[in-house]
C-alpha atoms as a PDB file:
ATOM      1  CA  MET A   1      27.569  89.282 -47.714  1.00  0.00           C
ATOM      2  CA  ASN A   2      24.893  91.757 -46.678  1.00  0.00           C
ATOM      3  CA  SER A   3      24.081  90.205 -43.305  1.00  0.00           C
ATOM      4  CA  THR A   4      24.661  91.090 -39.678  1.00  0.00           C
ATOM      5  CA  PRO A   5      27.461  88.522 -39.194  1.00  0.00           C
ATOM      6  CA  VAL A   6      29.416  89.922 -42.138  1.00  0.00           C
ATOM      7  CA  ARG A   7      28.731  93.582 -41.242  1.00  0.00           C
ATOM      8  CA  LEU A   8      29.936  92.954 -37.695  1.00  0.00           C
ATOM      9  CA  PHE A   9      33.097  91.235 -38.909  1.00  0.00           C
ATOM     10  CA  VAL A  10      33.900  94.093 -41.278  1.00  0.00           C
ATOM     11  CA  ALA A  11      33.223  96.722 -38.589  1.00  0.00           C
ATOM     12  CA  SER A  12      35.340  94.833 -36.058  1.00  0.00           C
ATOM     13  CA  TYR A  13      38.141  94.244 -38.538  1.00  0.00           C
ATOM     14  CA  ALA A  14      38.322  97.917 -39.450  1.00  0.00           C
ATOM     15  CA  LEU A  15      38.209  98.860 -35.770  1.00  0.00           C
ATOM     16  CA  SER A  16      40.954  96.453 -34.663  1.00  0.00           C
ATOM     17  CA  THR A  17      43.355  97.085 -37.517  1.00  0.00           C
ATOM     18  CA  ALA A  18      42.569 100.753 -38.160  1.00  0.00           C
ATOM     19  CA  ILE A  19      42.358  99.865 -41.840  1.00  0.00           C
ATOM     20  CA  ALA A  20      39.459  98.678 -43.900  1.00  0.00           C
ATOM     21  CA  THR A  21      41.101  97.080 -46.898  1.00  0.00           C
ATOM     22  CA  HIS A  22      40.001  93.612 -47.935  1.00  0.00           C
ATOM     23  CA  PRO A  23      38.372  92.326 -44.720  1.00  0.00           C
ATOM     24  CA  ALA A  24      36.102  90.125 -46.836  1.00  0.00           C
ATOM     25  CA  GLY A  25      39.148  88.042 -47.682  1.00  0.00           C
ATOM     26  CA  TYR A  26      39.139  86.822 -44.083  1.00  0.00           C
ATOM     27  CA  ILE A  27      35.507  85.703 -44.016  1.00  0.00           C
ATOM     28  CA  LYS A  28      35.031  81.997 -44.603  1.00  0.00           C
ATOM     29  CA  ILE A  29      32.175  81.871 -47.086  1.00  0.00           C
ATOM     30  CA  PRO A  30      31.076  78.367 -47.992  1.00  0.00           C
ATOM     31  CA  ARG A  31      31.216  77.499 -51.680  1.00  0.00           C
ATOM     32  CA  PHE A  32      27.733  77.879 -53.189  1.00  0.00           C
ATOM     33  CA  GLU A  33      25.896  74.620 -53.724  1.00  0.00           C
ATOM     34  CA  SER A  34      22.559  74.995 -55.525  1.00  0.00           C
ATOM     35  CA  THR A  35      21.296  71.768 -53.938  1.00  0.00           C
ATOM     36  CA  ASP A  36      22.043  72.944 -50.367  1.00  0.00           C
ATOM     37  CA  ALA A  37      18.843  73.952 -48.554  1.00  0.00           C
ATOM     38  CA  GLY A  38      20.687  76.569 -46.490  1.00  0.00           C
ATOM     39  CA  HIS A  39      22.130  78.193 -49.595  1.00  0.00           C
ATOM     40  CA  ALA A  40      18.726  78.139 -51.286  1.00  0.00           C
ATOM     41  CA  ALA A  41      17.154  79.812 -48.237  1.00  0.00           C
ATOM     42  CA  LEU A  42      19.764  82.567 -48.327  1.00  0.00           C
ATOM     43  CA  VAL A  43      19.223  83.126 -52.052  1.00  0.00           C
ATOM     44  CA  THR A  44      15.457  83.333 -51.536  1.00  0.00           C
ATOM     45  CA  ALA A  45      15.756  85.744 -48.609  1.00  0.00           C
ATOM     46  CA  SER A  46      18.295  87.924 -50.419  1.00  0.00           C
ATOM     47  CA  ARG A  47      16.222  88.136 -53.584  1.00  0.00           C
ATOM     48  CA  ALA A  48      13.092  88.992 -51.590  1.00  0.00           C
ATOM     49  CA  ALA A  49      15.007  91.735 -49.749  1.00  0.00           C
ATOM     50  CA  LYS A  50      16.283  93.149 -53.033  1.00  0.00           C
ATOM     51  CA  ARG A  51      12.771  93.161 -54.541  1.00  0.00           C
ATOM     52  CA  ALA A  52      11.360  94.857 -51.444  1.00  0.00           C
ATOM     53  CA  VAL A  53      13.939  97.639 -51.534  1.00  0.00           C
ATOM     54  CA  ALA A  54      13.443  98.102 -55.287  1.00  0.00           C
ATOM     55  CA  SER A  55       9.723  98.624 -54.698  1.00  0.00           C
ATOM     56  CA  GLY A  56      10.298 101.086 -51.861  1.00  0.00           C
ATOM     57  CA  LYS A  57       9.480  98.679 -49.048  1.00  0.00           C
ATOM     58  CA  PRO A  58      11.736  97.714 -46.157  1.00  0.00           C
ATOM     59  CA  ALA A  59      13.821  94.590 -46.629  1.00  0.00           C
ATOM     60  CA  ASP A  60      13.269  91.626 -44.338  1.00  0.00           C
ATOM     61  CA  GLU A  61      16.756  91.721 -42.868  1.00  0.00           C
ATOM     62  CA  ASP A  62      15.792  89.123 -40.270  1.00  0.00           C
ATOM     63  CA  ALA A  63      15.235  86.504 -42.973  1.00  0.00           C
ATOM     64  CA  VAL A  64      18.610  87.287 -44.565  1.00  0.00           C
ATOM     65  CA  ASP A  65      20.367  87.206 -41.188  1.00  0.00           C
ATOM     66  CA  VAL A  66      18.788  83.903 -40.151  1.00  0.00           C
ATOM     67  CA  ALA A  67      19.696  82.256 -43.444  1.00  0.00           C
ATOM     68  CA  ALA A  68      23.242  83.624 -43.388  1.00  0.00           C
ATOM     69  CA  ALA A  69      23.716  82.670 -39.743  1.00  0.00           C
ATOM     70  CA  ARG A  70      22.816  79.069 -40.524  1.00  0.00           C
ATOM     71  CA  LEU A  71      25.721  78.878 -42.964  1.00  0.00           C
ATOM     72  CA  TRP A  72      28.099  79.612 -40.084  1.00  0.00           C
ATOM     73  CA  LYS A  73      26.135  77.510 -37.566  1.00  0.00           C
ATOM     74  CA  LEU A  74      25.216  80.615 -35.543  1.00  0.00           C
ATOM     75  CA  THR A  75      22.150  80.697 -33.341  1.00  0.00           C
ATOM     76  CA  ALA A  76      19.399  83.308 -33.227  1.00  0.00           C
ATOM     77  CA  LYS A  77      20.902  84.412 -29.903  1.00  0.00           C
ATOM     78  CA  ASP A  78      24.262  84.945 -31.640  1.00  0.00           C
ATOM     79  CA  VAL A  79      22.621  87.143 -34.278  1.00  0.00           C
ATOM     80  CA  VAL A  80      20.844  89.224 -31.624  1.00  0.00           C
ATOM     81  CA  ALA A  81      24.144  89.748 -29.797  1.00  0.00           C
ATOM     82  CA  MET A  82      25.808  90.777 -33.066  1.00  0.00           C
ATOM     83  CA  ARG A  83      23.036  93.270 -33.844  1.00  0.00           C
ATOM     84  CA  ASP A  84      23.336  94.736 -30.356  1.00  0.00           C
ATOM     85  CA  PHE A  85      27.082  95.173 -30.752  1.00  0.00           C
ATOM     86  CA  LEU A  86      26.681  96.736 -34.202  1.00  0.00           C
ATOM     87  CA  ASP A  87      24.255  99.229 -32.654  1.00  0.00           C
ATOM     88  CA  VAL A  88      26.898 100.105 -30.048  1.00  0.00           C
ATOM     89  CA  LEU A  89      29.464 100.674 -32.792  1.00  0.00           C
ATOM     90  CA  ARG A  90      27.048 102.830 -34.815  1.00  0.00           C
ATOM     91  CA  ARG A  91      26.163 104.998 -31.810  1.00  0.00           C
ATOM     92  CA  ARG A  92      29.848 105.402 -31.027  1.00  0.00           C
ATOM     93  CA  ASP A  93      30.639 106.384 -34.603  1.00  0.00           C
ATOM     94  CA  LEU A  94      27.786 108.893 -34.689  1.00  0.00           C
ATOM     95  CA  ALA A  95      28.967 110.454 -31.440  1.00  0.00           C
ATOM     96  CA  GLN A  96      32.456 111.098 -32.818  1.00  0.00           C
END
């Protein structure tokens, strides 16, 4: 859930509806399968990010984003576009 695709969806949902209640209910999250290589990659990246933050180091958000994007069949180009748009939304929110 803590990936660029999900953050962008939540930000866009709140923006378009002017409410922020339960947007996660609209995100299609595949059922976890421990034998799925994509799911395993996301678990590994997420755990590494959590350990990094706990030790005061920056999380490797790229690894989490790439693994999460694969679950939704998004490309690296898609993730870059999503990050760019999230930056636009953040700058707009800070300016208000």
